[in-house]
Amino acid sequence: ADVARVVGRVGHPRIGAIWDVLHTWLAGEAPEAGHAVLAPHLGYVQVKDVASADDLTPLPLGAGVLPLAACLDGLDPETWVCWEYEKRWHPGAAELPDLLGAGRDHLLRLGAPKQ
């Protein structure tokens, strides 16, 4: 709600919001609530998957607990979706190149906008 309030006050069509679904989920916000307030301003949605709120090691998309389907449901087809994978801070995580094809397929199955 704070981000939507600031972006709305700017009132310029080239100013938008980035929605990092992990952080709103960690704060206890339901995806529907985040989407409802940010939808008019969304230009970019950052997705990832993790084992739990206590273990933020990146996982292949769909292998963790984040409600990605609910986050992506109803997005404008023009909204960019980007998979953030933080292996640099989690050396034990799987190598990203090996996961890219399956990650893309998972996002497409969930109905992510096609870019």
N, C-alpha and C. Protein backbone atom coordinates (compact mmCIF):
# COMPACT_ATOMS: atom_id res chain seq x y z
N ALA A 1 0.83 -1.19 0.00
CA ALA A 1 0.00 0.00 0.00
C ALA A 1 0.88 1.26 0.00
N ASP A 2 1.99 1.21 0.72
CA ASP A 2 2.88 2.39 0.76
C ASP A 2 3.46 2.67 -0.62
N VAL A 3 3.90 1.63 -1.31
CA VAL A 3 4.47 1.81 -2.65
C VAL A 3 3.42 2.36 -3.61
N ALA A 4 2.22 1.81 -3.57
CA ALA A 4 1.15 2.29 -4.46
C ALA A 4 0.83 3.75 -4.17
N ARG A 5 0.84 4.13 -2.91
CA ARG A 5 0.56 5.52 -2.54
C ARG A 5 1.61 6.46 -3.13
N VAL A 6 2.89 6.10 -3.02
CA VAL A 6 3.96 6.95 -3.54
C VAL A 6 3.91 7.02 -5.06
N VAL A 7 3.80 5.87 -5.72
CA VAL A 7 3.78 5.85 -7.18
C VAL A 7 2.54 6.59 -7.70
N GLY A 8 1.41 6.42 -7.03
CA GLY A 8 0.20 7.12 -7.43
C GLY A 8 0.32 8.62 -7.32
N ARG A 9 1.04 9.10 -6.33
CA ARG A 9 1.22 10.55 -6.16
C ARG A 9 2.11 11.12 -7.25
N VAL A 10 3.07 10.32 -7.72
CA VAL A 10 3.93 10.79 -8.81
C VAL A 10 3.08 11.02 -10.05
N GLY A 11 2.19 10.06 -10.33
CA GLY A 11 1.22 10.23 -11.39
C GLY A 11 1.77 10.28 -12.81
N HIS A 12 2.88 9.63 -13.05
CA HIS A 12 3.45 9.61 -14.40
C HIS A 12 3.37 8.19 -14.94
N PRO A 13 2.95 8.01 -16.19
CA PRO A 13 2.78 6.65 -16.72
C PRO A 13 4.07 5.85 -16.85
N ARG A 14 5.21 6.49 -16.80
CA ARG A 14 6.48 5.76 -16.90
C ARG A 14 7.07 5.43 -15.54
N ILE A 15 6.35 5.71 -14.49
CA ILE A 15 6.79 5.37 -13.14
C ILE A 15 5.94 4.19 -12.69
N GLY A 16 6.60 3.14 -12.24
CA GLY A 16 5.88 1.95 -11.82
C GLY A 16 6.50 1.33 -10.60
N ALA A 17 5.96 0.19 -10.24
CA ALA A 17 6.40 -0.51 -9.04
C ALA A 17 7.01 -1.86 -9.40
N ILE A 18 7.96 -2.27 -8.59
CA ILE A 18 8.52 -3.62 -8.65
C ILE A 18 7.93 -4.37 -7.47
N TRP A 19 7.38 -5.53 -7.75
CA TRP A 19 6.80 -6.36 -6.69
C TRP A 19 7.70 -7.57 -6.52
N ASP A 20 8.42 -7.63 -5.40
CA ASP A 20 9.22 -8.79 -5.04
C ASP A 20 8.34 -9.66 -4.15
N VAL A 21 7.81 -10.74 -4.71
CA VAL A 21 6.80 -11.54 -4.02
C VAL A 21 7.33 -12.18 -2.74
N LEU A 22 8.62 -12.44 -2.65
CA LEU A 22 9.16 -13.03 -1.42
C LEU A 22 8.96 -12.09 -0.24
N HIS A 23 9.27 -10.84 -0.41
CA HIS A 23 9.24 -9.92 0.73
C HIS A 23 7.83 -9.66 1.23
N THR A 24 6.86 -9.55 0.32
CA THR A 24 5.50 -9.37 0.80
C THR A 24 5.00 -10.64 1.49
N TRP A 25 5.40 -11.80 0.97
CA TRP A 25 5.02 -13.07 1.60
C TRP A 25 5.64 -13.19 2.99
N LEU A 26 6.93 -12.83 3.12
CA LEU A 26 7.59 -12.87 4.42
C LEU A 26 6.91 -11.95 5.43
N ALA A 27 6.34 -10.86 4.94
CA ALA A 27 5.65 -9.91 5.82
C ALA A 27 4.23 -10.36 6.15
N GLY A 28 3.80 -11.49 5.56
CA GLY A 28 2.48 -12.02 5.86
C GLY A 28 1.36 -11.50 4.97
N GLU A 29 1.72 -10.83 3.89
CA GLU A 29 0.70 -10.28 3.00
C GLU A 29 0.25 -11.34 2.00
N ALA A 30 -1.04 -11.46 1.83
CA ALA A 30 -1.60 -12.39 0.85
C ALA A 30 -1.33 -11.86 -0.55
N PRO A 31 -1.00 -12.73 -1.51
CA PRO A 31 -0.74 -12.27 -2.88
C PRO A 31 -1.88 -11.43 -3.46
N GLU A 32 -3.10 -11.79 -3.14
CA GLU A 32 -4.25 -11.06 -3.67
C GLU A 32 -4.24 -9.62 -3.18
N ALA A 33 -3.82 -9.41 -1.95
CA ALA A 33 -3.78 -8.06 -1.38
C ALA A 33 -2.69 -7.23 -2.05
N GLY A 34 -1.51 -7.82 -2.23
CA GLY A 34 -0.42 -7.12 -2.90
C GLY A 34 -0.78 -6.76 -4.33
N HIS A 35 -1.36 -7.72 -5.02
CA HIS A 35 -1.73 -7.48 -6.41
C HIS A 35 -2.81 -6.41 -6.50
N ALA A 36 -3.77 -6.43 -5.61
CA ALA A 36 -4.88 -5.48 -5.66
C ALA A 36 -4.40 -4.03 -5.56
N VAL A 37 -3.45 -3.77 -4.69
CA VAL A 37 -3.00 -2.38 -4.54
C VAL A 37 -1.94 -1.99 -5.56
N LEU A 38 -1.15 -2.96 -6.03
CA LEU A 38 -0.07 -2.64 -6.96
C LEU A 38 -0.46 -2.74 -8.44
N ALA A 39 -1.51 -3.46 -8.75
CA ALA A 39 -1.86 -3.73 -10.15
C ALA A 39 -1.84 -2.50 -11.06
N PRO A 40 -2.39 -1.38 -10.65
CA PRO A 40 -2.38 -0.23 -11.57
C PRO A 40 -0.97 0.32 -11.83
N HIS A 41 -0.01 -0.08 -11.01
CA HIS A 41 1.34 0.49 -11.10
C HIS A 41 2.42 -0.53 -11.44
N LEU A 42 2.05 -1.80 -11.56
CA LEU A 42 3.05 -2.85 -11.75
C LEU A 42 3.70 -2.78 -13.12
N GLY A 43 5.02 -2.83 -13.10
CA GLY A 43 5.77 -2.92 -14.33
C GLY A 43 6.68 -4.13 -14.34
N TYR A 44 6.85 -4.72 -13.15
CA TYR A 44 7.86 -5.76 -13.00
C TYR A 44 7.52 -6.58 -11.77
N VAL A 45 7.50 -7.90 -11.91
CA VAL A 45 7.27 -8.79 -10.78
C VAL A 45 8.48 -9.71 -10.67
N GLN A 46 9.04 -9.76 -9.49
CA GLN A 46 10.23 -10.57 -9.23
C GLN A 46 9.80 -11.81 -8.46
N VAL A 47 10.05 -12.99 -9.04
CA VAL A 47 9.66 -14.25 -8.40
C VAL A 47 10.90 -15.04 -8.00
N LYS A 48 10.69 -15.95 -7.11
CA LYS A 48 11.71 -16.91 -6.67
C LYS A 48 10.97 -17.98 -5.90
N ASP A 49 11.68 -18.97 -5.40
CA ASP A 49 11.07 -19.95 -4.52
C ASP A 49 12.08 -20.32 -3.45
N VAL A 50 11.57 -20.60 -2.26
CA VAL A 50 12.40 -20.94 -1.10
C VAL A 50 11.73 -22.05 -0.31
N ALA A 51 12.51 -22.70 0.56
CA ALA A 51 11.98 -23.80 1.36
C ALA A 51 11.05 -23.33 2.46
N SER A 52 11.37 -22.19 3.08
CA SER A 52 10.56 -21.69 4.19
C SER A 52 10.99 -20.26 4.51
N ALA A 53 10.27 -19.64 5.40
CA ALA A 53 10.64 -18.29 5.85
C ALA A 53 11.97 -18.29 6.59
N ASP A 54 12.35 -19.44 7.11
CA ASP A 54 13.62 -19.55 7.84
C ASP A 54 14.77 -20.03 6.96
N ASP A 55 14.46 -20.56 5.80
CA ASP A 55 15.48 -21.05 4.87
C ASP A 55 15.25 -20.42 3.51
N LEU A 56 15.99 -19.35 3.23
CA LEU A 56 15.80 -18.59 2.00
C LEU A 56 16.73 -19.03 0.87
N THR A 57 17.32 -20.22 1.02
CA THR A 57 18.13 -20.77 -0.06
C THR A 57 17.25 -20.91 -1.30
N PRO A 58 17.70 -20.39 -2.44
CA PRO A 58 16.85 -20.48 -3.64
C PRO A 58 16.64 -21.92 -4.08
N LEU A 59 15.43 -22.17 -4.52
CA LEU A 59 15.03 -23.49 -5.02
C LEU A 59 14.51 -23.33 -6.44
N PRO A 60 14.44 -24.43 -7.18
CA PRO A 60 13.79 -24.36 -8.49
C PRO A 60 12.36 -23.85 -8.32
N LEU A 61 11.88 -23.09 -9.28
CA LEU A 61 10.51 -22.59 -9.20
C LEU A 61 9.53 -23.74 -9.09
N GLY A 62 8.62 -23.63 -8.12
CA GLY A 62 7.64 -24.67 -7.90
C GLY A 62 8.05 -25.69 -6.85
N ALA A 63 9.32 -25.67 -6.44
CA ALA A 63 9.81 -26.64 -5.45
C ALA A 63 9.71 -26.12 -4.03
N GLY A 64 9.31 -24.87 -3.86
CA GLY A 64 9.28 -24.27 -2.54
C GLY A 64 7.87 -23.94 -2.09
N VAL A 65 7.80 -22.97 -1.18
CA VAL A 65 6.53 -22.66 -0.52
C VAL A 65 5.87 -21.36 -0.99
N LEU A 66 6.52 -20.60 -1.84
CA LEU A 66 5.91 -19.33 -2.26
C LEU A 66 4.68 -19.59 -3.13
N PRO A 67 3.61 -18.83 -2.92
CA PRO A 67 2.38 -19.01 -3.70
C PRO A 67 2.47 -18.33 -5.06
N LEU A 68 3.35 -18.85 -5.90
CA LEU A 68 3.62 -18.20 -7.18
C LEU A 68 2.39 -18.13 -8.08
N ALA A 69 1.58 -19.17 -8.10
CA ALA A 69 0.38 -19.15 -8.94
C ALA A 69 -0.53 -18.00 -8.54
N ALA A 70 -0.73 -17.82 -7.25
CA ALA A 70 -1.59 -16.74 -6.77
C ALA A 70 -0.98 -15.37 -7.08
N CYS A 71 0.34 -15.27 -7.04
CA CYS A 71 1.00 -14.00 -7.33
C CYS A 71 0.89 -13.63 -8.80
N LEU A 72 0.94 -14.61 -9.67
CA LEU A 72 0.93 -14.34 -11.11
C LEU A 72 -0.47 -14.30 -11.70
N ASP A 73 -1.44 -14.82 -10.98
CA ASP A 73 -2.81 -14.85 -11.47
C ASP A 73 -3.33 -13.43 -11.68
N GLY A 74 -3.80 -13.17 -12.88
CA GLY A 74 -4.41 -11.89 -13.16
C GLY A 74 -3.46 -10.77 -13.53
N LEU A 75 -2.17 -11.08 -13.68
CA LEU A 75 -1.24 -10.02 -14.09
C LEU A 75 -1.56 -9.56 -15.51
N ASP A 76 -1.37 -8.30 -15.74
CA ASP A 76 -1.49 -7.75 -17.08
C ASP A 76 -0.44 -8.44 -17.96
N PRO A 77 -0.79 -8.83 -19.18
CA PRO A 77 0.18 -9.53 -20.04
C PRO A 77 1.42 -8.70 -20.37
N GLU A 78 1.36 -7.40 -20.17
CA GLU A 78 2.50 -6.53 -20.42
C GLU A 78 3.47 -6.46 -19.24
N THR A 79 3.11 -7.05 -18.12
CA THR A 79 3.95 -7.00 -16.92
C THR A 79 5.13 -7.96 -17.07
N TRP A 80 6.30 -7.46 -16.82
CA TRP A 80 7.50 -8.29 -16.88
C TRP A 80 7.59 -9.14 -15.62
N VAL A 81 7.99 -10.40 -15.81
CA VAL A 81 8.23 -11.32 -14.69
C VAL A 81 9.68 -11.77 -14.79
N CYS A 82 10.39 -11.65 -13.69
CA CYS A 82 11.81 -12.02 -13.66
C CYS A 82 12.06 -12.97 -12.49
N TRP A 83 12.81 -14.02 -12.77
CA TRP A 83 13.18 -14.97 -11.73
C TRP A 83 14.48 -14.49 -11.09
N GLU A 84 14.41 -14.16 -9.82
CA GLU A 84 15.60 -13.77 -9.07
C GLU A 84 16.16 -15.02 -8.39
N TYR A 85 17.42 -15.30 -8.64
CA TYR A 85 18.06 -16.50 -8.11
C TYR A 85 19.36 -16.08 -7.45
N GLU A 86 19.42 -16.12 -6.14
CA GLU A 86 20.54 -15.55 -5.38
C GLU A 86 21.59 -16.58 -4.97
N LYS A 87 22.14 -17.28 -5.93
CA LYS A 87 23.16 -18.28 -5.62
C LYS A 87 24.39 -17.66 -4.97
N ARG A 88 24.72 -16.45 -5.36
CA ARG A 88 25.92 -15.79 -4.80
C ARG A 88 25.90 -15.80 -3.27
N TRP A 89 24.72 -15.62 -2.69
CA TRP A 89 24.61 -15.58 -1.23
C TRP A 89 24.27 -16.95 -0.64
N HIS A 90 24.05 -17.93 -1.49
CA HIS A 90 23.70 -19.29 -1.05
C HIS A 90 24.50 -20.28 -1.89
N PRO A 91 25.79 -20.46 -1.59
CA PRO A 91 26.65 -21.29 -2.44
C PRO A 91 26.19 -22.73 -2.60
N GLY A 92 25.38 -23.24 -1.67
CA GLY A 92 24.91 -24.61 -1.77
C GLY A 92 23.74 -24.80 -2.73
N ALA A 93 23.22 -23.70 -3.25
CA ALA A 93 22.08 -23.79 -4.17
C ALA A 93 22.52 -24.41 -5.49
N ALA A 94 21.57 -25.01 -6.16
CA ALA A 94 21.86 -25.62 -7.47
C ALA A 94 22.30 -24.54 -8.46
N GLU A 95 23.01 -24.94 -9.48
CA GLU A 95 23.46 -24.02 -10.52
C GLU A 95 22.26 -23.57 -11.36
N LEU A 96 22.14 -22.29 -11.57
CA LEU A 96 20.99 -21.73 -12.29
C LEU A 96 20.88 -22.22 -13.73
N PRO A 97 21.95 -22.26 -14.51
CA PRO A 97 21.77 -22.67 -15.92
C PRO A 97 21.03 -24.00 -16.09
N ASP A 98 21.25 -24.91 -15.14
CA ASP A 98 20.59 -26.21 -15.22
C ASP A 98 19.09 -26.12 -14.95
N LEU A 99 18.64 -25.02 -14.34
CA LEU A 99 17.24 -24.88 -13.93
C LEU A 99 16.41 -23.99 -14.86
N LEU A 100 17.07 -23.28 -15.76
CA LEU A 100 16.37 -22.25 -16.53
C LEU A 100 15.21 -22.78 -17.38
N GLY A 101 15.42 -23.86 -18.10
CA GLY A 101 14.35 -24.38 -18.96
C GLY A 101 13.13 -24.78 -18.15
N ALA A 102 13.34 -25.52 -17.08
CA ALA A 102 12.21 -25.96 -16.25
C ALA A 102 11.55 -24.77 -15.57
N GLY A 103 12.35 -23.76 -15.17
CA GLY A 103 11.80 -22.57 -14.54
C GLY A 103 10.91 -21.80 -15.49
N ARG A 104 11.35 -21.64 -16.72
CA ARG A 104 10.54 -20.96 -17.74
C ARG A 104 9.24 -21.72 -17.97
N ASP A 105 9.34 -23.04 -18.12
CA ASP A 105 8.15 -23.86 -18.34
C ASP A 105 7.17 -23.73 -17.17
N HIS A 106 7.70 -23.71 -15.95
CA HIS A 106 6.84 -23.59 -14.77
C HIS A 106 6.10 -22.25 -14.79
N LEU A 107 6.81 -21.18 -15.09
CA LEU A 107 6.16 -19.86 -15.15
C LEU A 107 5.08 -19.82 -16.23
N LEU A 108 5.35 -20.41 -17.37
CA LEU A 108 4.36 -20.43 -18.44
C LEU A 108 3.12 -21.24 -18.05
N ARG A 109 3.33 -22.35 -17.34
CA ARG A 109 2.19 -23.15 -16.86
C ARG A 109 1.34 -22.35 -15.88
N LEU A 110 2.00 -21.50 -15.09
CA LEU A 110 1.26 -20.70 -14.12
C LEU A 110 0.54 -19.51 -14.77
N GLY A 111 0.84 -19.29 -16.03
CA GLY A 111 0.17 -18.20 -16.73
C GLY A 111 0.90 -16.88 -16.65
N ALA A 112 2.19 -16.91 -16.37
CA ALA A 112 2.96 -15.67 -16.33
C ALA A 112 2.91 -15.01 -17.70
N PRO A 113 2.89 -13.68 -17.72
CA PRO A 113 2.96 -12.99 -19.01
C PRO A 113 4.15 -13.49 -19.82
N LYS A 114 3.97 -13.64 -21.10
CA LYS A 114 5.02 -14.17 -21.97
C LYS A 114 5.85 -13.02 -22.53
N GLN A 115 7.13 -13.00 -22.22
CA GLN A 115 8.04 -11.95 -22.70
C GLN A 115 9.08 -12.57 -23.57
